[in-house]
């Protein structure tokens, strides 16, 4: 049996495949190697329905956030080998998972637009170029955290309409200047907090002031990442992630100004990733 996994920092989607038929689908916590240790991973796997199938697994393809370096790949592979004792383990980056999901064996530009943002140029087999994403403080333009930062700054500076500001207060009654600054500068996971406003932003996407914020974020995404790739206009841009999926009409508009065509846009890569491993 083949086990395919796509992992973010929050959740991992698992698919167990036998003879081109999906046997099992489940989820566990995310296994970002920067945030988990051996005990946590083994405990989570043992508590999942994978416990009853682990002896049957012959090959594990695990793609995860935080798995871009050989060191982190080997760290997780060693842990998985303790659980899937009969399996060959391959750990790789979630960016490669996105590329394989949307491009299969064709070349293209690929972007992950979720909480953060990451991009690459894929030649149909490997990632050949990657402009560093730099994280939510220095980068992530086009991701939910960047949209949230732009929105919150306008809100706190009183630059949004009374109707939008009033609805924000109604939707998030616990938030004010002090609580927002506390969550951003003192509490854990400020990137997720800021990205959490994406749904509210989407609600007002047709309001001129909010539309301007959305367009600013995606124009920055193209300027800071996409146009830096060689021959970028010769490749379709494929997108994976919840922000890319729900804001795709705005991305299409921005892309036109840079001469970029949009290819496949999917919210989650796991099903297309399974298809890749079955076909190739």
C-alpha atoms as a PDB file:
ATOM      1  CA  UNK A   1       0.000   0.000   0.000  1.00  0.00           C
ATOM      2  CA  UNK A   2       1.011   3.596  -0.681  1.00  0.00           C
ATOM      3  CA  UNK A   3       0.412   6.298   1.920  1.00  0.00           C
ATOM      4  CA  UNK A   4       0.359   9.915   0.718  1.00  0.00           C
ATOM      5  CA  UNK A   5       0.289  12.858   3.123  1.00  0.00           C
ATOM      6  CA  UNK A   6       0.058  16.626   2.754  1.00  0.00           C
ATOM      7  CA  UNK A   7       0.869  18.452   5.970  1.00  0.00           C
ATOM      8  CA  UNK A   8       0.612  22.052   7.063  1.00  0.00           C
ATOM      9  CA  UNK A   9       1.527  23.332  10.484  1.00  0.00           C
ATOM     10  CA  UNK A  10      -2.045  22.735  11.689  1.00  0.00           C
ATOM     11  CA  UNK A  11      -3.339  19.614   9.903  1.00  0.00           C
ATOM     12  CA  UNK A  12      -2.114  16.639   7.886  1.00  0.00           C
ATOM     13  CA  UNK A  13      -4.319  14.975   5.266  1.00  0.00           C
ATOM     14  CA  UNK A  14      -3.529  11.269   4.775  1.00  0.00           C
ATOM     15  CA  UNK A  15      -4.648   8.951   1.941  1.00  0.00           C
ATOM     16  CA  UNK A  16      -3.928   5.199   1.917  1.00  0.00           C
ATOM     17  CA  UNK A  17      -4.018   3.656  -1.548  1.00  0.00           C
ATOM     18  CA  UNK A  18      -4.107  -0.010  -2.485  1.00  0.00           C
ATOM     19  CA  UNK A  19      -4.132  -1.177  -6.120  1.00  0.00           C
ATOM     20  CA  UNK A  20      -5.309   2.230  -7.368  1.00  0.00           C
ATOM     21  CA  UNK A  21      -8.209   2.301  -4.915  1.00  0.00           C
ATOM     22  CA  UNK A  22      -8.425   4.635  -1.956  1.00  0.00           C
ATOM     23  CA  UNK A  23      -8.640   2.499   1.169  1.00  0.00           C
ATOM     24  CA  UNK A  24      -8.562   5.107   3.866  1.00  0.00           C
ATOM     25  CA  UNK A  25      -8.698   8.872   4.311  1.00  0.00           C
ATOM     26  CA  UNK A  26      -7.984  10.598   7.607  1.00  0.00           C
ATOM     27  CA  UNK A  27      -6.454  13.654   9.227  1.00  0.00           C
ATOM     28  CA  UNK A  28      -4.035  14.225  12.075  1.00  0.00           C
ATOM     29  CA  UNK A  29      -2.358  17.281  13.529  1.00  0.00           C
ATOM     30  CA  UNK A  30       0.248  18.977  11.362  1.00  0.00           C
ATOM     31  CA  UNK A  31       3.809  17.715  11.617  1.00  0.00           C
ATOM     32  CA  UNK A  32       5.945  20.772  10.986  1.00  0.00           C
ATOM     33  CA  UNK A  33       9.429  19.630  12.089  1.00  0.00           C
ATOM     34  CA  UNK A  34      10.081  23.047  13.649  1.00  0.00           C
ATOM     35  CA  UNK A  35       7.219  22.541  16.106  1.00  0.00           C
ATOM     36  CA  UNK A  36       7.004  18.797  16.886  1.00  0.00           C
ATOM     37  CA  UNK A  37       9.244  16.170  18.451  1.00  0.00           C
ATOM     38  CA  UNK A  38       9.405  12.386  18.236  1.00  0.00           C
ATOM     39  CA  UNK A  39       7.041  11.735  21.128  1.00  0.00           C
ATOM     40  CA  UNK A  40       4.367  14.067  19.794  1.00  0.00           C
ATOM     41  CA  UNK A  41       4.427  12.544  16.302  1.00  0.00           C
ATOM     42  CA  UNK A  42       4.339   8.935  17.494  1.00  0.00           C
ATOM     43  CA  UNK A  43       1.563   9.640  19.996  1.00  0.00           C
ATOM     44  CA  UNK A  44      -0.578  11.344  17.351  1.00  0.00           C
ATOM     45  CA  UNK A  45      -0.060   8.558  14.798  1.00  0.00           C
ATOM     46  CA  UNK A  46      -0.801   5.862  17.381  1.00  0.00           C
ATOM     47  CA  UNK A  47      -4.078   7.579  18.288  1.00  0.00           C
ATOM     48  CA  UNK A  48      -5.185   7.725  14.631  1.00  0.00           C
ATOM     49  CA  UNK A  49      -6.789   5.031  12.488  1.00  0.00           C
ATOM     50  CA  UNK A  50      -3.402   4.630  10.804  1.00  0.00           C
ATOM     51  CA  UNK A  51      -2.415   2.527  13.819  1.00  0.00           C
ATOM     52  CA  UNK A  52      -4.420  -0.380  12.437  1.00  0.00           C
ATOM     53  CA  UNK A  53      -2.917  -0.119   8.954  1.00  0.00           C
ATOM     54  CA  UNK A  54       0.733   0.703   9.647  1.00  0.00           C
ATOM     55  CA  UNK A  55       2.055  -2.826   9.013  1.00  0.00           C
ATOM     56  CA  UNK A  56       0.489  -2.843   5.539  1.00  0.00           C
ATOM     57  CA  UNK A  57       2.104   0.420   4.390  1.00  0.00           C
ATOM     58  CA  UNK A  58       4.969  -0.172   1.942  1.00  0.00           C
ATOM     59  CA  UNK A  59       5.666   3.386   0.786  1.00  0.00           C
ATOM     60  CA  UNK A  60       5.117   6.743   2.496  1.00  0.00           C
ATOM     61  CA  UNK A  61       5.189  10.004   0.539  1.00  0.00           C
ATOM     62  CA  UNK A  62       5.006  12.797   3.122  1.00  0.00           C
ATOM     63  CA  UNK A  63       4.986  16.447   2.015  1.00  0.00           C
ATOM     64  CA  UNK A  64       5.088  19.049   4.735  1.00  0.00           C
ATOM     65  CA  UNK A  65       5.456  22.672   5.711  1.00  0.00           C
ATOM     66  CA  UNK A  66       8.924  23.225   7.159  1.00  0.00           C
ATOM     67  CA  UNK A  67      10.393  20.287   5.228  1.00  0.00           C
ATOM     68  CA  UNK A  68      12.524  22.156   2.699  1.00  0.00           C
ATOM     69  CA  UNK A  69      15.899  21.203   4.199  1.00  0.00           C
ATOM     70  CA  UNK A  70      17.560  17.795   4.156  1.00  0.00           C
ATOM     71  CA  UNK A  71      18.006  18.016   7.919  1.00  0.00           C
ATOM     72  CA  UNK A  72      14.278  18.430   8.601  1.00  0.00           C
ATOM     73  CA  UNK A  73      13.343  15.797   6.023  1.00  0.00           C
ATOM     74  CA  UNK A  74      15.642  13.246   7.658  1.00  0.00           C
ATOM     75  CA  UNK A  75      14.348  14.194  11.118  1.00  0.00           C
ATOM     76  CA  UNK A  76      10.735  13.360  10.207  1.00  0.00           C
ATOM     77  CA  UNK A  77      11.641  10.342   8.084  1.00  0.00           C
ATOM     78  CA  UNK A  78      13.419   8.775  11.051  1.00  0.00           C
ATOM     79  CA  UNK A  79      10.339   9.256  13.230  1.00  0.00           C
ATOM     80  CA  UNK A  80       7.966   7.836  10.619  1.00  0.00           C
ATOM     81  CA  UNK A  81      10.250   4.816  10.189  1.00  0.00           C
ATOM     82  CA  UNK A  82       9.617   3.957  13.839  1.00  0.00           C
ATOM     83  CA  UNK A  83       5.874   3.793  13.162  1.00  0.00           C
ATOM     84  CA  UNK A  84       5.695   2.487   9.580  1.00  0.00           C
ATOM     85  CA  UNK A  85       8.275  -0.242  10.131  1.00  0.00           C
ATOM     86  CA  UNK A  86       7.763  -1.977   6.771  1.00  0.00           C
ATOM     87  CA  UNK A  87       7.755   1.133   4.625  1.00  0.00           C
ATOM     88  CA  UNK A  88      10.168   3.143   2.538  1.00  0.00           C
ATOM     89  CA  UNK A  89       9.814   6.755   3.722  1.00  0.00           C
ATOM     90  CA  UNK A  90      10.168   9.835   1.518  1.00  0.00           C
ATOM     91  CA  UNK A  91       9.734  13.290   3.081  1.00  0.00           C
ATOM     92  CA  UNK A  92       9.681  16.443   0.979  1.00  0.00           C
ATOM     93  CA  UNK A  93       8.503  20.046   0.948  1.00  0.00           C
ATOM     94  CA  UNK A  94       4.841  21.058   0.644  1.00  0.00           C
ATOM     95  CA  UNK A  95       5.836  23.275  -2.288  1.00  0.00           C
ATOM     96  CA  UNK A  96       6.785  20.170  -4.282  1.00  0.00           C
ATOM     97  CA  UNK A  97       3.434  18.653  -3.314  1.00  0.00           C
ATOM     98  CA  UNK A  98       1.670  21.705  -4.721  1.00  0.00           C
ATOM     99  CA  UNK A  99       3.707  21.543  -7.936  1.00  0.00           C
ATOM    100  CA  UNK A 100       3.015  17.843  -8.441  1.00  0.00           C
ATOM    101  CA  UNK A 101      -0.672  18.341  -7.675  1.00  0.00           C
ATOM    102  CA  UNK A 102      -1.331  21.114 -10.177  1.00  0.00           C
ATOM    103  CA  UNK A 103       1.326  20.523 -12.836  1.00  0.00           C
ATOM    104  CA  UNK A 104       1.753  16.734 -12.732  1.00  0.00           C
ATOM    105  CA  UNK A 105       4.693  16.264 -15.162  1.00  0.00           C
ATOM    106  CA  UNK A 106       4.311  19.579 -17.013  1.00  0.00           C
ATOM    107  CA  UNK A 107       6.346  22.746 -16.317  1.00  0.00           C
ATOM    108  CA  UNK A 108       4.757  25.768 -14.699  1.00  0.00           C
ATOM    109  CA  UNK A 109       4.842  28.466 -12.068  1.00  0.00           C
ATOM    110  CA  UNK A 110       3.298  27.363  -8.783  1.00  0.00           C
ATOM    111  CA  UNK A 111       2.103  29.352  -5.786  1.00  0.00           C
ATOM    112  CA  UNK A 112       0.818  28.360  -2.382  1.00  0.00           C
ATOM    113  CA  UNK A 113      -1.489  31.109  -1.134  1.00  0.00           C
ATOM    114  CA  UNK A 114      -2.874  30.232   2.276  1.00  0.00           C
ATOM    115  CA  UNK A 115      -1.965  31.795   5.594  1.00  0.00           C
ATOM    116  CA  UNK A 116       1.365  32.660   4.014  1.00  0.00           C
ATOM    117  CA  UNK A 117       2.718  32.627   0.473  1.00  0.00           C
ATOM    118  CA  UNK A 118       5.350  30.609  -1.341  1.00  0.00           C
ATOM    119  CA  UNK A 119       6.182  30.193  -5.018  1.00  0.00           C
ATOM    120  CA  UNK A 120       8.407  28.221  -7.339  1.00  0.00           C
ATOM    121  CA  UNK A 121       9.248  27.408 -10.939  1.00  0.00           C
ATOM    122  CA  UNK A 122       8.736  23.696 -11.680  1.00  0.00           C
ATOM    123  CA  UNK A 123      10.160  21.938 -14.735  1.00  0.00           C
ATOM    124  CA  UNK A 124       7.806  18.961 -14.640  1.00  0.00           C
ATOM    125  CA  UNK A 125      10.068  16.954 -12.374  1.00  0.00           C
ATOM    126  CA  UNK A 126      11.833  19.264  -9.939  1.00  0.00           C
ATOM    127  CA  UNK A 127      11.629  22.744  -8.466  1.00  0.00           C
ATOM    128  CA  UNK A 128      14.292  24.721 -10.324  1.00  0.00           C
ATOM    129  CA  UNK A 129      13.803  28.182  -8.801  1.00  0.00           C
ATOM    130  CA  UNK A 130      12.324  29.428  -5.526  1.00  0.00           C
ATOM    131  CA  UNK A 131      12.146  33.081  -4.484  1.00  0.00           C
ATOM    132  CA  UNK A 132      12.369  32.979  -0.653  1.00  0.00           C
ATOM    133  CA  UNK A 133       9.004  33.743   0.951  1.00  0.00           C
ATOM    134  CA  UNK A 134      10.645  35.355   4.047  1.00  0.00           C
ATOM    135  CA  UNK A 135       7.708  34.726   6.392  1.00  0.00           C
ATOM    136  CA  UNK A 136       4.962  36.968   7.705  1.00  0.00           C
ATOM    137  CA  UNK A 137       7.222  39.765   8.993  1.00  0.00           C
ATOM    138  CA  UNK A 138       9.303  40.332   5.855  1.00  0.00           C
ATOM    139  CA  UNK A 139       7.144  38.753   3.167  1.00  0.00           C
ATOM    140  CA  UNK A 140       4.110  36.528   2.514  1.00  0.00           C
ATOM    141  CA  UNK A 141       2.622  39.085   0.113  1.00  0.00           C
ATOM    142  CA  UNK A 142      -0.608  37.692  -1.318  1.00  0.00           C
ATOM    143  CA  UNK A 143      -1.172  35.389   1.641  1.00  0.00           C
ATOM    144  CA  UNK A 144      -3.881  35.721   4.253  1.00  0.00           C
ATOM    145  CA  UNK A 145      -1.504  37.255   6.775  1.00  0.00           C
ATOM    146  CA  UNK A 146      -0.568  40.043   4.345  1.00  0.00           C
ATOM    147  CA  UNK A 147      -4.214  40.761   3.540  1.00  0.00           C
ATOM    148  CA  UNK A 148      -4.922  40.851   7.273  1.00  0.00           C
ATOM    149  CA  UNK A 149      -2.058  43.261   7.981  1.00  0.00           C
ATOM    150  CA  UNK A 150      -3.175  45.685   5.284  1.00  0.00           C
ATOM    151  CA  UNK A 151      -6.784  45.524   6.470  1.00  0.00           C
ATOM    152  CA  UNK A 152      -6.073  45.934  10.190  1.00  0.00           C
ATOM    153  CA  UNK A 153      -3.766  48.883   9.608  1.00  0.00           C
ATOM    154  CA  UNK A 154      -6.478  50.692   7.616  1.00  0.00           C
ATOM    155  CA  UNK A 155      -9.059  49.839  10.268  1.00  0.00           C
ATOM    156  CA  UNK A 156      -6.975  51.039  13.212  1.00  0.00           C
ATOM    157  CA  UNK A 157      -6.058  54.251  11.384  1.00  0.00           C
ATOM    158  CA  UNK A 158      -9.746  55.008  10.791  1.00  0.00           C
ATOM    159  CA  UNK A 159      -9.403  54.718   7.020  1.00  0.00           C
ATOM    160  CA  UNK A 160     -12.369  52.389   6.436  1.00  0.00           C
ATOM    161  CA  UNK A 161     -16.023  53.326   6.072  1.00  0.00           C
ATOM    162  CA  UNK A 162     -18.267  53.563   9.128  1.00  0.00           C
ATOM    163  CA  UNK A 163     -20.327  50.600   7.914  1.00  0.00           C
ATOM    164  CA  UNK A 164     -17.328  48.287   7.566  1.00  0.00           C
ATOM    165  CA  UNK A 165     -15.875  49.427  10.898  1.00  0.00           C
ATOM    166  CA  UNK A 166     -19.227  48.915  12.629  1.00  0.00           C
ATOM    167  CA  UNK A 167     -19.612  45.414  11.220  1.00  0.00           C
ATOM    168  CA  UNK A 168     -16.072  44.560  12.303  1.00  0.00           C
ATOM    169  CA  UNK A 169     -16.894  45.653  15.858  1.00  0.00           C
ATOM    170  CA  UNK A 170     -20.071  43.538  15.752  1.00  0.00           C
ATOM    171  CA  UNK A 171     -18.256  40.497  14.327  1.00  0.00           C
ATOM    172  CA  UNK A 172     -15.237  40.757  16.635  1.00  0.00           C
ATOM    173  CA  UNK A 173     -16.576  42.455  19.804  1.00  0.00           C
ATOM    174  CA  UNK A 174     -13.572  41.306  21.844  1.00  0.00           C
ATOM    175  CA  UNK A 175     -11.099  43.173  19.642  1.00  0.00           C
ATOM    176  CA  UNK A 176      -9.917  46.753  20.058  1.00  0.00           C
ATOM    177  CA  UNK A 177      -6.622  48.571  19.541  1.00  0.00           C
ATOM    178  CA  UNK A 178      -5.022  47.125  22.666  1.00  0.00           C
ATOM    179  CA  UNK A 179      -6.209  43.534  22.217  1.00  0.00           C
ATOM    180  CA  UNK A 180      -5.165  43.519  18.558  1.00  0.00           C
ATOM    181  CA  UNK A 181      -1.690  44.805  19.361  1.00  0.00           C
ATOM    182  CA  UNK A 182      -1.399  42.263  22.165  1.00  0.00           C
ATOM    183  CA  UNK A 183      -2.297  39.391  19.829  1.00  0.00           C
ATOM    184  CA  UNK A 184       0.123  40.613  17.165  1.00  0.00           C
ATOM    185  CA  UNK A 185       3.116  41.426  19.369  1.00  0.00           C
ATOM    186  CA  UNK A 186       2.798  39.323  22.513  1.00  0.00           C
ATOM    187  CA  UNK A 187       0.721  36.210  21.866  1.00  0.00           C
ATOM    188  CA  UNK A 188       1.563  33.060  19.921  1.00  0.00           C
ATOM    189  CA  UNK A 189       0.840  32.622  16.196  1.00  0.00           C
ATOM    190  CA  UNK A 190       0.161  36.251  15.179  1.00  0.00           C
ATOM    191  CA  UNK A 191       0.294  35.148  11.530  1.00  0.00           C
ATOM    192  CA  UNK A 192      -2.786  32.954  11.984  1.00  0.00           C
ATOM    193  CA  UNK A 193      -4.540  35.730  13.896  1.00  0.00           C
ATOM    194  CA  UNK A 194      -4.018  38.216  11.070  1.00  0.00           C
ATOM    195  CA  UNK A 195      -4.889  35.692   8.368  1.00  0.00           C
ATOM    196  CA  UNK A 196      -8.112  34.991  10.251  1.00  0.00           C
ATOM    197  CA  UNK A 197      -9.603  38.228   8.899  1.00  0.00           C
ATOM    198  CA  UNK A 198      -9.580  36.925   5.321  1.00  0.00           C
ATOM    199  CA  UNK A 199     -13.196  35.780   5.459  1.00  0.00           C
ATOM    200  CA  UNK A 200     -14.316  39.203   6.697  1.00  0.00           C
ATOM    201  CA  UNK A 201     -12.298  40.873   3.926  1.00  0.00           C
ATOM    202  CA  UNK A 202     -13.888  38.576   1.357  1.00  0.00           C
ATOM    203  CA  UNK A 203     -17.335  39.585   2.613  1.00  0.00           C
ATOM    204  CA  UNK A 204     -16.626  43.157   1.497  1.00  0.00           C
ATOM    205  CA  UNK A 205     -14.596  42.372  -1.609  1.00  0.00           C
ATOM    206  CA  UNK A 206     -16.844  44.527  -3.803  1.00  0.00           C
ATOM    207  CA  UNK A 207     -16.474  47.617  -1.601  1.00  0.00           C
ATOM    208  CA  UNK A 208     -13.967  49.988  -3.246  1.00  0.00           C
ATOM    209  CA  UNK A 209     -11.852  50.461  -0.108  1.00  0.00           C
ATOM    210  CA  UNK A 210     -11.570  46.711   0.543  1.00  0.00           C
ATOM    211  CA  UNK A 211     -11.062  45.906  -3.120  1.00  0.00           C
ATOM    212  CA  UNK A 212      -8.107  48.310  -3.089  1.00  0.00           C
ATOM    213  CA  UNK A 213      -6.551  46.382  -0.190  1.00  0.00           C
ATOM    214  CA  UNK A 214      -7.023  43.077  -2.006  1.00  0.00           C
ATOM    215  CA  UNK A 215      -5.516  44.405  -5.208  1.00  0.00           C
ATOM    216  CA  UNK A 216      -2.588  45.939  -3.327  1.00  0.00           C
ATOM    217  CA  UNK A 217      -1.772  42.584  -1.746  1.00  0.00           C
ATOM    218  CA  UNK A 218      -1.882  40.649  -5.005  1.00  0.00           C
ATOM    219  CA  UNK A 219       0.042  43.269  -6.941  1.00  0.00           C
ATOM    220  CA  UNK A 220       2.744  43.018  -4.280  1.00  0.00           C
ATOM    221  CA  UNK A 221       2.631  39.238  -4.709  1.00  0.00           C
ATOM    222  CA  UNK A 222       3.369  39.554  -8.423  1.00  0.00           C
ATOM    223  CA  UNK A 223       6.018  42.252  -7.972  1.00  0.00           C
ATOM    224  CA  UNK A 224       7.867  40.539  -5.128  1.00  0.00           C
ATOM    225  CA  UNK A 225       7.749  36.997  -6.477  1.00  0.00           C
ATOM    226  CA  UNK A 226       6.322  36.150  -9.870  1.00  0.00           C
ATOM    227  CA  UNK A 227       8.106  38.705 -12.057  1.00  0.00           C
ATOM    228  CA  UNK A 228      11.444  37.624 -10.573  1.00  0.00           C
ATOM    229  CA  UNK A 229      11.271  34.197 -12.202  1.00  0.00           C
ATOM    230  CA  UNK A 230      13.008  33.722 -15.565  1.00  0.00           C
ATOM    231  CA  UNK A 231      10.614  33.895 -18.525  1.00  0.00           C
ATOM    232  CA  UNK A 232       7.708  34.153 -16.085  1.00  0.00           C
ATOM    233  CA  UNK A 233       5.219  35.177 -18.781  1.00  0.00           C
ATOM    234  CA  UNK A 234       5.850  31.945 -20.689  1.00  0.00           C
ATOM    235  CA  UNK A 235       4.465  29.748 -17.921  1.00  0.00           C
ATOM    236  CA  UNK A 236       0.922  29.404 -16.549  1.00  0.00           C
ATOM    237  CA  UNK A 237       0.635  30.235 -12.850  1.00  0.00           C
ATOM    238  CA  UNK A 238      -1.061  27.447 -10.883  1.00  0.00           C
ATOM    239  CA  UNK A 239      -2.301  28.168  -7.372  1.00  0.00           C
ATOM    240  CA  UNK A 240      -2.940  26.017  -4.310  1.00  0.00           C
ATOM    241  CA  UNK A 241      -4.493  27.206  -1.058  1.00  0.00           C
ATOM    242  CA  UNK A 242      -7.599  28.704   0.505  1.00  0.00           C
ATOM    243  CA  UNK A 243      -6.686  32.346  -0.215  1.00  0.00           C
ATOM    244  CA  UNK A 244      -5.820  31.564  -3.818  1.00  0.00           C
ATOM    245  CA  UNK A 245      -9.064  29.626  -4.232  1.00  0.00           C
ATOM    246  CA  UNK A 246     -11.452  32.151  -2.666  1.00  0.00           C
ATOM    247  CA  UNK A 247      -9.761  35.279  -4.073  1.00  0.00           C
ATOM    248  CA  UNK A 248      -8.996  33.881  -7.513  1.00  0.00           C
ATOM    249  CA  UNK A 249     -11.045  36.460  -9.442  1.00  0.00           C
ATOM    250  CA  UNK A 250      -8.870  39.203  -7.929  1.00  0.00           C
ATOM    251  CA  UNK A 251      -5.693  37.272  -8.734  1.00  0.00           C
ATOM    252  CA  UNK A 252      -6.801  36.896 -12.354  1.00  0.00           C
ATOM    253  CA  UNK A 253      -7.265  40.658 -12.627  1.00  0.00           C
ATOM    254  CA  UNK A 254      -3.834  41.368 -11.164  1.00  0.00           C
ATOM    255  CA  UNK A 255      -2.207  38.690 -13.327  1.00  0.00           C
ATOM    256  CA  UNK A 256      -3.428  40.350 -16.514  1.00  0.00           C
ATOM    257  CA  UNK A 257      -1.438  43.476 -15.701  1.00  0.00           C
ATOM    258  CA  UNK A 258       1.750  41.405 -15.588  1.00  0.00           C
ATOM    259  CA  UNK A 259       1.006  39.334 -18.674  1.00  0.00           C
ATOM    260  CA  UNK A 260       0.575  36.148 -16.619  1.00  0.00           C
ATOM    261  CA  UNK A 261      -2.036  33.498 -17.404  1.00  0.00           C
ATOM    262  CA  UNK A 262      -3.675  31.627 -14.524  1.00  0.00           C
ATOM    263  CA  UNK A 263      -3.770  27.852 -14.791  1.00  0.00           C
ATOM    264  CA  UNK A 264      -5.299  25.437 -12.288  1.00  0.00           C
ATOM    265  CA  UNK A 265      -6.524  26.781  -8.933  1.00  0.00           C
ATOM    266  CA  UNK A 266      -7.317  24.307  -6.146  1.00  0.00           C
ATOM    267  CA  UNK A 267      -8.015  24.749  -2.454  1.00  0.00           C
ATOM    268  CA  UNK A 268      -6.288  21.574  -1.230  1.00  0.00           C
ATOM    269  CA  UNK A 269      -3.704  19.449  -3.054  1.00  0.00           C
ATOM    270  CA  UNK A 270      -4.254  16.022  -1.502  1.00  0.00           C
ATOM    271  CA  UNK A 271      -6.595  14.482  -4.110  1.00  0.00           C
ATOM    272  CA  UNK A 272      -4.535  15.737  -7.049  1.00  0.00           C
ATOM    273  CA  UNK A 273      -1.398  14.586  -5.242  1.00  0.00           C
ATOM    274  CA  UNK A 274      -2.807  11.073  -4.927  1.00  0.00           C
ATOM    275  CA  UNK A 275      -3.597  11.142  -8.634  1.00  0.00           C
ATOM    276  CA  UNK A 276       0.024  12.113  -9.355  1.00  0.00           C
ATOM    277  CA  UNK A 277       1.394   9.144  -7.423  1.00  0.00           C
ATOM    278  CA  UNK A 278      -1.022   6.731  -9.063  1.00  0.00           C
ATOM    279  CA  UNK A 279      -0.195   7.958 -12.569  1.00  0.00           C
ATOM    280  CA  UNK A 280       3.514   8.679 -12.349  1.00  0.00           C
END
